Amino acid sequence: MKSVWMVVISVSIVCAFVSESCQWDQYLGNPGRTAYTDCRGPESPEVFWEVSLPGYPDSPFITDGKVIVLCKDSPYVFTESRIAVIDLLTGTLLEENLADLHFLTGVYPAGDLILGTTRGGRLYKIDPVSEETSFDTMIPEKFSCFLYCYPIILPEKVVFPTTPAVCLSRDDYSMLWNLETSLGPLYPTNGKIRNIAASHNRVYIVLEEEERRIWAVDSDTGEFIWVSDTGKVLNIAVEGSVLFVGGDNLHALNAETGELLWESESGSICSNIVVGSDTVYAANFDRYLCAIDKSSGDLKWRTQWEGVTNWITHVVGAGDIIILSNYLGLFAFSAKDGTELWDIHFQSEIEMCPASADGILVVGEKMDYKLKALASDPVLFVKQGDTYLSEDLKDQAISSYKKAAELYEKKGDTSRSQDVQERIHELEDEPESSPPTIPPEPSAPIPFFAVILVAVLMGILITYYLIKHKPKNG
């Protein structure tokens, strides 16, 4: 059991890993979200860094060694907002107001660009290097999906979970299709988009009418393919030819036809769905994390957690660790058998989506305007110390090296721990460098004409004095 005061962590929608490459290659969500492409998570989290932000943090993203996060004046209402950029390794705040756009409602990495949405449905392209911003198109302003439902970034297109859903080309961000138009008379009156997922050639949309049903459409045209029977669908995830659906139970559909493949005994699902190499993970309202066989739907194991039961519960897969979180806590379990590995309890309102890369988990702390990074790999702390040292920040470097030595010691790697400790002693024994002595500036040479002028004036004064005081003859 480990307690960290005011650490804000929570985990969002669908996160998957595959057995071979740990890459997000099934279009289960936004592949730009690095939380979905990283296979490592902290084994036992330590605070890596924390940074104060210019507003309430939204969900962070990691791209090119930097953290991109939207900061808002209010955690719930989109008013004035700005994009902050933080160095992933040190937590240094590099930029407080990237692109200087007003009324941003969301930012999403898409390759080398960042897509920014603003009030009124305006979509901007932002170059994070040059900071150039260009307006591209209008999209529907209304986002009605469940919390933390993000656009899906496909290789050639991007699908926004607006009402109605729209698909844009990534070549020029022109509109490819609008779901209401592509479905025509089939589109339900007052239908609301609740969730989306995508495979290579299909987009799956949870559309709420009186009930929530899943609509499968062609990803190129938005044309109708099939619609599911009515049901209490909350979340969906797709891998290859299988669509996983969370509702009264976790069940699987043929992604091409909508045919039911199996239904598990997981209980009513209250979380997102994580698809592993041979197992599907989800949490239910009875506070159980369930592991379901991906092929048969059989229950492999289930384990209970201590958090609050509500529909805002999230699961994220990170290699052999499954992390579950909600408002009050973060719980890590073995993906193999459900054994609890560690937990953290919280006392503050949390941001539901972290980002993860290279074993670093970055999370938002809403009420304190902070972003925190967690890590457990001593190599990361050594790299951090090296970076601080290159920037002539010796005290910060020593602090990072001390944490690295401690973590090496915990892992039983005494040799590396001693190496790091020797480096610490060398730095601590280095004499403080005295400020360089600045020699006095040499006097400027006196011009020759000035010397002559002074001599003449002195001569005149002396002559005058002698004449004035010449003795009188008797």
Protein backbone atom coordinates (compact mmCIF):
# COMPACT_ATOMS: atom_id res chain seq x y z
CA MET A 1 0.00 0.00 0.00
CA LYS A 2 1.34 3.38 -0.91
CA SER A 3 -0.15 6.78 -0.29
CA VAL A 4 0.72 9.88 -2.25
CA TRP A 5 -1.06 13.08 -1.21
CA MET A 6 -2.78 15.01 -3.97
CA VAL A 7 -1.41 12.94 -6.85
CA VAL A 8 -3.94 13.12 -9.62
CA ILE A 9 -4.11 10.11 -11.85
CA SER A 10 -6.80 8.48 -13.84
CA VAL A 11 -6.91 6.52 -16.99
CA SER A 12 -9.04 6.82 -20.08
CA ILE A 13 -10.86 5.11 -22.85
CA VAL A 14 -9.40 2.23 -24.78
CA CYS A 15 -5.78 1.20 -24.39
CA ALA A 16 -4.37 -1.85 -26.09
CA PHE A 17 -1.14 -3.65 -26.50
CA VAL A 18 -0.18 -6.48 -28.86
CA SER A 19 2.14 -9.40 -28.20
CA GLU A 20 4.81 -8.54 -30.78
CA SER A 21 5.49 -4.85 -31.26
CA CYS A 22 3.51 -2.97 -28.62
CA GLN A 23 2.30 -0.63 -31.35
CA TRP A 24 -1.20 0.73 -31.77
CA ASP A 25 -1.93 -0.81 -35.17
CA GLN A 26 -5.61 -1.72 -34.96
CA TYR A 27 -7.11 1.79 -35.02
CA LEU A 28 -8.79 1.14 -31.67
CA GLY A 29 -8.54 4.81 -30.92
CA ASN A 30 -6.24 7.71 -31.59
CA PRO A 31 -2.80 6.21 -32.38
CA GLY A 32 -1.29 9.61 -31.63
CA ARG A 33 -2.11 9.15 -27.96
CA THR A 34 1.13 7.73 -26.69
CA ALA A 35 -0.63 6.10 -23.77
CA TYR A 36 -1.85 3.58 -26.33
CA THR A 37 1.52 2.75 -27.88
CA ASP A 38 3.63 2.28 -24.79
CA CYS A 39 4.00 -1.18 -23.31
CA ARG A 40 5.66 -0.18 -20.07
CA GLY A 41 4.14 1.39 -17.00
CA PRO A 42 5.63 2.19 -13.60
CA GLU A 43 6.00 -0.96 -11.50
CA SER A 44 5.68 1.08 -8.33
CA PRO A 45 5.23 4.77 -9.04
CA GLU A 46 7.60 7.47 -7.86
CA VAL A 47 7.11 11.18 -8.57
CA PHE A 48 9.41 11.92 -11.53
CA TRP A 49 8.60 15.63 -11.75
CA GLU A 50 5.76 18.08 -11.32
CA VAL A 51 5.08 21.43 -12.93
CA SER A 52 2.60 24.24 -12.31
CA LEU A 53 0.35 25.10 -15.25
CA PRO A 54 -1.45 28.29 -16.33
CA GLY A 55 -4.87 26.65 -15.86
CA TYR A 56 -6.85 23.47 -15.26
CA PRO A 57 -5.15 20.64 -17.19
CA ASP A 58 -7.11 18.67 -19.76
CA SER A 59 -5.90 15.29 -21.00
CA PRO A 60 -2.15 15.38 -21.76
CA PHE A 61 -0.56 14.00 -24.92
CA ILE A 62 3.08 13.11 -25.52
CA THR A 63 4.78 13.74 -28.84
CA ASP A 64 8.46 14.10 -29.81
CA GLY A 65 9.69 14.09 -26.20
CA LYS A 66 7.26 16.81 -25.12
CA VAL A 67 3.96 16.86 -23.25
CA ILE A 68 1.15 18.83 -24.88
CA VAL A 69 -1.75 19.77 -22.62
CA LEU A 70 -4.73 22.10 -22.95
CA CYS A 71 -5.11 24.37 -19.91
CA LYS A 72 -8.51 25.94 -19.16
CA ASP A 73 -9.80 28.64 -16.85
CA SER A 74 -12.51 26.23 -15.67
CA PRO A 75 -12.41 22.43 -15.38
CA TYR A 76 -15.90 22.11 -16.87
CA VAL A 77 -16.61 25.15 -19.06
CA PHE A 78 -14.46 26.02 -22.06
CA THR A 79 -13.60 29.68 -21.63
CA GLU A 80 -10.17 31.15 -22.23
CA SER A 81 -7.72 28.30 -22.77
CA ARG A 82 -4.14 27.82 -23.90
CA ILE A 83 -1.76 25.05 -24.93
CA ALA A 84 1.18 24.35 -22.61
CA VAL A 85 4.29 22.44 -23.71
CA ILE A 86 6.44 20.60 -21.13
CA ASP A 87 9.71 18.69 -21.54
CA LEU A 88 8.97 15.02 -20.87
CA LEU A 89 12.27 14.20 -19.16
CA THR A 90 12.62 17.18 -16.81
CA GLY A 91 9.16 18.72 -16.51
CA THR A 92 10.46 22.09 -17.67
CA LEU A 93 7.63 24.35 -18.88
CA LEU A 94 8.75 25.24 -22.40
CA GLU A 95 5.67 27.14 -23.60
CA GLU A 96 2.62 28.52 -21.78
CA ASN A 97 0.54 29.59 -24.74
CA LEU A 98 1.45 27.74 -27.93
CA ALA A 99 -0.18 29.28 -31.04
CA ASP A 100 -2.11 31.85 -28.97
CA LEU A 101 -5.57 30.59 -30.00
CA HIS A 102 -8.65 31.62 -28.04
CA PHE A 103 -11.53 29.44 -26.77
CA LEU A 104 -9.88 26.10 -27.54
CA THR A 105 -12.05 23.10 -26.70
CA GLY A 106 -9.58 20.34 -27.57
CA VAL A 107 -6.09 19.59 -28.90
CA TYR A 108 -5.11 16.32 -30.58
CA PRO A 109 -1.76 15.24 -32.08
CA ALA A 110 -2.00 14.09 -35.70
CA GLY A 111 1.43 13.18 -37.04
CA ASP A 112 3.65 16.26 -37.14
CA LEU A 113 0.71 18.58 -36.44
CA ILE A 114 -1.65 19.34 -33.60
CA LEU A 115 -5.35 19.69 -34.40
CA GLY A 116 -7.13 22.30 -32.31
CA THR A 117 -10.89 22.71 -32.05
CA THR A 118 -12.46 25.93 -30.81
CA ARG A 119 -15.90 27.21 -29.93
CA GLY A 120 -18.15 27.39 -32.92
CA GLY A 121 -16.67 24.24 -34.48
CA ARG A 122 -13.55 25.80 -36.02
CA LEU A 123 -10.71 23.36 -36.70
CA TYR A 124 -7.12 24.63 -36.80
CA LYS A 125 -3.82 23.03 -37.78
CA ILE A 126 -0.96 23.95 -35.44
CA ASP A 127 2.71 23.39 -36.23
CA PRO A 128 4.36 22.79 -32.81
CA VAL A 129 7.81 23.70 -34.16
CA SER A 130 7.13 26.95 -36.02
CA GLU A 131 3.98 27.66 -33.95
CA GLU A 132 2.23 28.64 -37.19
CA THR A 133 -1.56 28.24 -37.08
CA SER A 134 -3.95 27.91 -40.00
CA PHE A 135 -7.74 27.61 -40.07
CA ASP A 136 -8.92 24.66 -42.13
CA THR A 137 -12.61 23.91 -41.86
CA MET A 138 -15.76 23.90 -39.77
CA ILE A 139 -16.97 20.78 -37.98
CA PRO A 140 -20.07 20.28 -35.78
CA GLU A 141 -19.50 21.94 -32.43
CA LYS A 142 -21.49 19.48 -30.35
CA PHE A 143 -19.58 16.69 -28.58
CA SER A 144 -22.12 14.47 -26.84
CA CYS A 145 -20.12 11.27 -26.39
CA PHE A 146 -19.21 9.83 -23.01
CA LEU A 147 -16.29 11.40 -21.18
CA TYR A 148 -12.94 11.28 -22.92
CA CYS A 149 -14.11 10.08 -26.30
CA TYR A 150 -11.47 11.33 -28.73
CA PRO A 151 -11.16 11.71 -32.50
CA ILE A 152 -9.81 8.66 -34.27
CA ILE A 153 -6.68 9.45 -36.27
CA LEU A 154 -6.42 7.01 -39.18
CA PRO A 155 -3.52 7.01 -41.68
CA GLU A 156 -5.43 9.02 -44.29
CA LYS A 157 -8.39 10.43 -42.39
CA VAL A 158 -9.64 11.59 -39.02
CA VAL A 159 -13.10 10.88 -37.55
CA PHE A 160 -14.55 13.29 -34.99
CA PRO A 161 -17.13 11.98 -32.46
CA THR A 162 -19.34 15.04 -32.90
CA THR A 163 -23.10 15.00 -33.40
CA PRO A 164 -23.32 14.15 -36.22
CA ALA A 165 -19.98 12.36 -36.64
CA VAL A 166 -17.78 13.67 -39.45
CA CYS A 167 -14.76 12.31 -41.32
CA LEU A 168 -12.04 14.57 -42.77
CA SER A 169 -9.18 13.89 -45.18
CA ARG A 170 -5.72 14.31 -43.63
CA ASP A 171 -4.37 15.59 -46.94
CA ASP A 172 -6.24 18.89 -46.87
CA TYR A 173 -8.75 18.37 -44.01
CA SER A 174 -11.68 18.63 -46.36
CA MET A 175 -14.94 16.93 -45.38
CA LEU A 176 -15.21 13.35 -46.69
CA TRP A 177 -18.55 12.54 -45.13
CA ASN A 178 -21.08 13.58 -42.53
CA LEU A 179 -22.96 10.72 -40.83
CA GLU A 180 -26.34 12.42 -40.99
CA THR A 181 -25.96 12.99 -44.73
CA SER A 182 -24.43 9.59 -45.50
CA LEU A 183 -27.18 7.68 -43.63
CA GLY A 184 -29.92 9.87 -45.08
CA PRO A 185 -33.39 8.82 -43.86
CA LEU A 186 -31.83 6.07 -41.70
CA TYR A 187 -30.25 8.67 -39.42
CA PRO A 188 -32.34 8.77 -36.20
CA THR A 189 -33.98 12.06 -35.31
CA ASN A 190 -32.14 13.78 -32.45
CA GLY A 191 -29.57 10.99 -32.38
CA LYS A 192 -26.53 11.62 -30.17
CA ILE A 193 -23.07 10.18 -30.71
CA ARG A 194 -21.90 8.36 -27.57
CA ASN A 195 -18.73 6.57 -28.71
CA ILE A 196 -16.72 5.59 -31.78
CA ALA A 197 -14.15 2.98 -32.81
CA ALA A 198 -12.58 2.06 -36.13
CA SER A 199 -10.88 -0.74 -38.02
CA HIS A 200 -9.04 -0.34 -41.31
CA ASN A 201 -12.18 0.02 -43.44
CA ARG A 202 -15.03 0.42 -40.95
CA VAL A 203 -16.12 3.05 -38.43
CA TYR A 204 -18.33 1.91 -35.55
CA ILE A 205 -20.53 4.52 -33.89
CA VAL A 206 -22.64 4.22 -30.75
CA LEU A 207 -25.66 6.35 -31.59
CA GLU A 208 -28.26 7.02 -28.91
CA GLU A 209 -31.94 7.27 -29.80
CA GLU A 210 -34.34 5.85 -27.23
CA GLU A 211 -31.76 3.09 -26.89
CA ARG A 212 -28.08 3.03 -27.80
CA ARG A 213 -27.26 1.06 -30.93
CA ILE A 214 -24.07 0.47 -32.86
CA TRP A 215 -23.94 1.63 -36.47
CA ALA A 216 -21.22 0.28 -38.76
CA VAL A 217 -20.36 2.46 -41.76
CA ASP A 218 -17.76 2.48 -44.51
CA SER A 219 -14.77 4.57 -43.40
CA ASP A 220 -14.29 6.09 -46.88
CA THR A 221 -17.88 7.08 -47.60
CA GLY A 222 -19.84 6.82 -44.33
CA GLU A 223 -22.34 4.53 -46.09
CA PHE A 224 -24.46 2.18 -43.99
CA ILE A 225 -23.24 -1.43 -43.51
CA TRP A 226 -25.17 -2.78 -40.50
CA VAL A 227 -26.82 -1.72 -37.24
CA SER A 228 -26.97 -3.74 -34.02
CA ASP A 229 -30.06 -4.65 -32.04
CA THR A 230 -31.01 -2.19 -29.32
CA GLY A 231 -29.06 -2.56 -26.11
CA LYS A 232 -27.40 -0.70 -23.28
CA VAL A 233 -24.10 -0.09 -25.04
CA LEU A 234 -21.59 2.02 -23.12
CA ASN A 235 -18.18 1.47 -24.72
CA ILE A 236 -16.79 -0.31 -27.76
CA ALA A 237 -13.37 -1.42 -29.01
CA VAL A 238 -12.40 -3.21 -32.19
CA GLU A 239 -9.50 -5.46 -33.08
CA GLY A 240 -9.33 -6.98 -36.54
CA SER A 241 -12.60 -8.75 -37.29
CA VAL A 242 -14.01 -8.57 -33.73
CA LEU A 243 -15.92 -5.72 -32.12
CA PHE A 244 -15.99 -5.81 -28.31
CA VAL A 245 -19.03 -4.22 -26.67
CA GLY A 246 -19.55 -3.24 -23.04
CA GLY A 247 -23.14 -3.15 -21.75
CA ASP A 248 -25.07 -5.42 -19.40
CA ASN A 249 -22.22 -7.85 -20.04
CA LEU A 250 -19.10 -7.80 -22.15
CA HIS A 251 -19.80 -9.43 -25.50
CA ALA A 252 -18.20 -9.73 -28.92
CA LEU A 253 -19.65 -9.14 -32.40
CA ASN A 254 -18.43 -10.03 -35.85
CA ALA A 255 -17.12 -6.64 -36.97
CA GLU A 256 -18.08 -7.30 -40.60
CA THR A 257 -21.67 -8.45 -40.02
CA GLY A 258 -22.67 -7.48 -36.46
CA GLU A 259 -23.37 -11.15 -35.62
CA LEU A 260 -23.00 -12.09 -31.91
CA LEU A 261 -19.91 -14.24 -31.34
CA TRP A 262 -20.04 -14.67 -27.58
CA GLU A 263 -21.32 -13.08 -24.36
CA SER A 264 -19.36 -13.25 -21.13
CA GLU A 265 -20.47 -13.37 -17.50
CA SER A 266 -18.59 -10.22 -16.63
CA GLY A 267 -21.53 -8.33 -15.20
CA SER A 268 -22.60 -4.82 -16.18
CA ILE A 269 -19.61 -2.95 -17.59
CA CYS A 270 -18.85 0.52 -16.20
CA SER A 271 -15.49 1.16 -17.87
CA ASN A 272 -13.74 1.25 -21.21
CA ILE A 273 -12.47 -1.96 -22.80
CA VAL A 274 -8.79 -2.91 -23.03
CA VAL A 275 -7.86 -5.47 -25.70
CA GLY A 276 -4.72 -7.49 -25.01
CA SER A 277 -2.96 -10.18 -27.03
CA ASP A 278 -5.35 -12.95 -25.95
CA THR A 279 -7.45 -11.28 -23.22
CA VAL A 280 -9.99 -8.48 -22.91
CA TYR A 281 -10.11 -6.40 -19.71
CA ALA A 282 -12.99 -4.33 -18.31
CA ALA A 283 -14.42 -3.28 -14.94
CA ASN A 284 -18.00 -3.79 -13.76
CA PHE A 285 -20.35 -1.98 -11.39
CA ASP A 286 -19.70 -4.57 -8.66
CA ARG A 287 -16.13 -3.25 -8.41
CA TYR A 288 -14.50 -6.18 -10.16
CA LEU A 289 -11.81 -6.00 -12.81
CA CYS A 290 -12.49 -8.87 -15.20
CA ALA A 291 -10.19 -10.68 -17.62
CA ILE A 292 -12.10 -12.37 -20.45
CA ASP A 293 -10.71 -14.85 -22.98
CA LYS A 294 -10.72 -12.99 -26.30
CA SER A 295 -11.69 -16.04 -28.37
CA SER A 296 -14.33 -17.73 -26.21
CA GLY A 297 -15.64 -15.11 -23.79
CA ASP A 298 -14.77 -17.34 -20.80
CA LEU A 299 -13.89 -15.58 -17.56
CA LYS A 300 -10.16 -16.05 -16.85
CA TRP A 301 -10.09 -14.21 -13.54
CA ARG A 302 -11.67 -11.33 -11.71
CA THR A 303 -10.41 -9.28 -8.81
CA GLN A 304 -12.08 -6.66 -6.67
CA TRP A 305 -10.82 -3.14 -6.08
CA GLU A 306 -11.58 -0.70 -3.28
CA GLY A 307 -12.63 2.36 -5.25
CA VAL A 308 -16.00 4.00 -5.70
CA THR A 309 -18.35 2.33 -8.17
CA ASN A 310 -19.58 4.65 -10.89
CA TRP A 311 -19.64 4.77 -14.66
CA ILE A 312 -16.53 6.95 -14.75
CA THR A 313 -14.08 4.11 -14.14
CA HIS A 314 -11.13 3.59 -16.46
CA VAL A 315 -8.73 0.81 -17.32
CA VAL A 316 -5.42 1.04 -19.12
CA GLY A 317 -3.10 -1.75 -20.25
CA ALA A 318 0.64 -1.28 -19.97
CA GLY A 319 2.43 -4.49 -20.91
CA ASP A 320 1.96 -7.00 -18.11
CA ILE A 321 0.31 -4.43 -15.82
CA ILE A 322 -3.38 -3.48 -15.90
CA ILE A 323 -4.17 -0.19 -14.18
CA LEU A 324 -7.67 0.69 -13.01
CA SER A 325 -8.68 4.06 -11.62
CA ASN A 326 -11.58 6.27 -10.67
CA TYR A 327 -12.08 9.30 -8.45
CA LEU A 328 -10.44 7.98 -5.30
CA GLY A 329 -7.69 5.64 -6.30
CA LEU A 330 -5.34 3.99 -8.73
CA PHE A 331 -4.97 0.21 -8.64
CA ALA A 332 -2.45 -1.91 -10.53
CA PHE A 333 -2.91 -5.63 -11.19
CA SER A 334 -0.97 -8.40 -12.86
CA ALA A 335 -2.38 -8.95 -16.35
CA LYS A 336 -1.63 -12.66 -15.96
CA ASP A 337 -3.61 -13.57 -12.85
CA GLY A 338 -5.12 -10.37 -11.39
CA THR A 339 -2.81 -10.16 -8.38
CA GLU A 340 -2.82 -6.64 -6.97
CA LEU A 341 0.62 -5.08 -7.37
CA TRP A 342 0.19 -1.63 -5.85
CA ASP A 343 -2.38 1.08 -5.21
CA ILE A 344 -2.49 4.81 -4.57
CA HIS A 345 -5.35 6.72 -2.92
CA PHE A 346 -6.19 10.30 -3.78
CA GLN A 347 -7.67 13.30 -2.02
CA SER A 348 -8.19 15.62 -4.97
CA GLU A 349 -10.31 15.82 -8.09
CA ILE A 350 -8.52 14.08 -10.91
CA GLU A 351 -8.09 14.39 -14.65
CA MET A 352 -9.31 11.16 -16.22
CA CYS A 353 -6.74 10.71 -18.99
CA PRO A 354 -3.02 10.18 -18.58
CA ALA A 355 -0.40 9.93 -21.28
CA SER A 356 2.46 7.44 -21.21
CA ALA A 357 5.75 7.07 -23.06
CA ASP A 358 9.06 5.35 -22.29
CA GLY A 359 7.85 4.21 -18.88
CA ILE A 360 6.74 7.71 -17.81
CA LEU A 361 3.10 8.23 -16.85
CA VAL A 362 1.96 11.86 -17.03
CA VAL A 363 -1.20 12.85 -15.17
CA GLY A 364 -3.17 16.02 -14.48
CA GLU A 365 -4.06 17.56 -11.14
CA LYS A 366 -7.03 19.81 -11.80
CA MET A 367 -7.58 21.87 -8.70
CA ASP A 368 -3.88 22.60 -8.15
CA TYR A 369 -3.15 23.49 -11.79
CA LYS A 370 -0.40 20.86 -11.92
CA LEU A 371 0.94 18.14 -14.13
CA LYS A 372 2.83 15.25 -12.56
CA ALA A 373 4.94 12.50 -14.03
CA LEU A 374 5.40 9.09 -12.40
CA ALA A 375 8.17 6.60 -13.13
CA SER A 376 9.92 3.66 -11.49
CA ASP A 377 12.85 2.90 -13.81
CA PRO A 378 16.18 4.11 -12.32
CA VAL A 379 17.56 4.59 -15.84
CA LEU A 380 15.04 7.39 -16.34
CA PHE A 381 16.22 9.17 -13.20
CA VAL A 382 19.84 8.86 -14.39
CA LYS A 383 18.89 10.37 -17.76
CA GLN A 384 17.05 13.14 -15.98
CA GLY A 385 20.11 13.82 -13.82
CA ASP A 386 22.36 13.91 -16.89
CA THR A 387 20.06 16.45 -18.51
CA TYR A 388 20.05 18.65 -15.42
CA LEU A 389 23.84 18.46 -15.26
CA SER A 390 24.17 19.51 -18.90
CA GLU A 391 22.11 22.57 -18.00
CA ASP A 392 24.40 23.34 -15.03
CA LEU A 393 21.69 22.47 -12.49
CA LYS A 394 23.88 20.49 -10.09
CA ASP A 395 21.48 20.31 -7.12
CA GLN A 396 18.64 18.97 -9.29
CA ALA A 397 21.03 16.47 -10.89
CA ILE A 398 22.18 15.17 -7.51
CA SER A 399 18.53 14.75 -6.41
CA SER A 400 17.76 12.67 -9.54
CA TYR A 401 20.91 10.56 -9.10
CA LYS A 402 20.00 9.85 -5.46
CA LYS A 403 16.58 8.56 -6.50
CA ALA A 404 18.22 6.41 -9.20
CA ALA A 405 20.64 4.91 -6.65
CA GLU A 406 17.74 4.17 -4.30
CA LEU A 407 15.75 2.43 -7.04
CA TYR A 408 18.77 0.39 -8.16
CA GLU A 409 19.21 -0.68 -4.55
CA LYS A 410 15.57 -1.77 -4.34
CA LYS A 411 16.02 -3.86 -7.47
CA GLY A 412 19.08 -5.53 -5.95
CA ASP A 413 21.45 -3.99 -8.49
CA THR A 414 24.09 -2.87 -5.98
CA SER A 415 26.78 -2.43 -8.62
CA ARG A 416 24.87 0.25 -10.53
CA SER A 417 23.72 1.81 -7.29
CA GLN A 418 27.35 2.20 -6.19
CA ASP A 419 28.32 3.68 -9.55
CA VAL A 420 25.63 6.33 -9.21
CA GLN A 421 26.56 7.04 -5.59
CA GLU A 422 30.18 7.59 -6.60
CA ARG A 423 29.00 10.10 -9.16
CA ILE A 424 26.98 11.85 -6.44
CA HIS A 425 30.05 12.04 -4.15
CA GLU A 426 32.13 13.51 -6.98
CA LEU A 427 29.56 16.22 -7.57
CA GLU A 428 29.15 16.97 -3.86
CA ASP A 429 32.94 17.20 -3.39
CA GLU A 430 33.43 19.57 -6.30
CA PRO A 431 34.39 23.02 -5.00
CA GLU A 432 31.92 25.71 -5.65
CA SER A 433 33.24 27.71 -8.53
CA SER A 434 34.02 31.27 -7.46
CA PRO A 435 32.75 34.03 -9.66
CA PRO A 436 35.54 35.16 -11.99
CA THR A 437 37.48 38.23 -10.89
CA ILE A 438 36.74 41.06 -13.21
CA PRO A 439 39.88 43.18 -13.77
CA PRO A 440 39.38 46.95 -13.60
CA GLU A 441 38.91 48.54 -16.93
CA PRO A 442 42.08 50.34 -18.10
CA SER A 443 41.91 54.12 -18.15
CA ALA A 444 41.35 55.59 -21.53
CA PRO A 445 44.49 57.32 -22.93
CA ILE A 446 44.44 61.11 -22.79
CA PRO A 447 44.52 62.67 -26.26
CA PHE A 448 47.76 64.59 -27.15
CA PHE A 449 45.95 67.83 -27.95
CA ALA A 450 44.38 67.75 -24.49
CA VAL A 451 47.85 67.56 -22.94
CA ILE A 452 49.02 70.61 -25.00
CA LEU A 453 45.88 72.52 -24.05
CA VAL A 454 46.40 71.85 -20.35
CA ALA A 455 50.09 72.92 -20.62
CA VAL A 456 49.17 76.20 -22.36
CA LEU A 457 46.50 76.98 -19.79
CA MET A 458 48.89 76.23 -16.95
CA GLY A 459 51.50 78.45 -18.61
CA ILE A 460 49.04 81.33 -18.88
CA LEU A 461 48.04 80.97 -15.24
CA ILE A 462 51.66 80.91 -14.06
CA THR A 463 52.59 83.93 -16.20
CA TYR A 464 49.59 85.84 -14.86
CA TYR A 465 50.55 84.96 -11.30
CA LEU A 466 54.15 86.08 -11.78
CA ILE A 467 53.14 89.37 -13.34
CA LYS A 468 50.57 90.03 -10.66
CA HIS A 469 53.04 89.38 -7.87
CA LYS A 470 56.13 91.04 -9.47
CA PRO A 471 57.92 93.16 -6.82
CA LYS A 472 57.69 96.94 -7.27
CA ASN A 473 60.91 98.93 -7.74
CA GLY A 474 61.58 101.58 -5.08
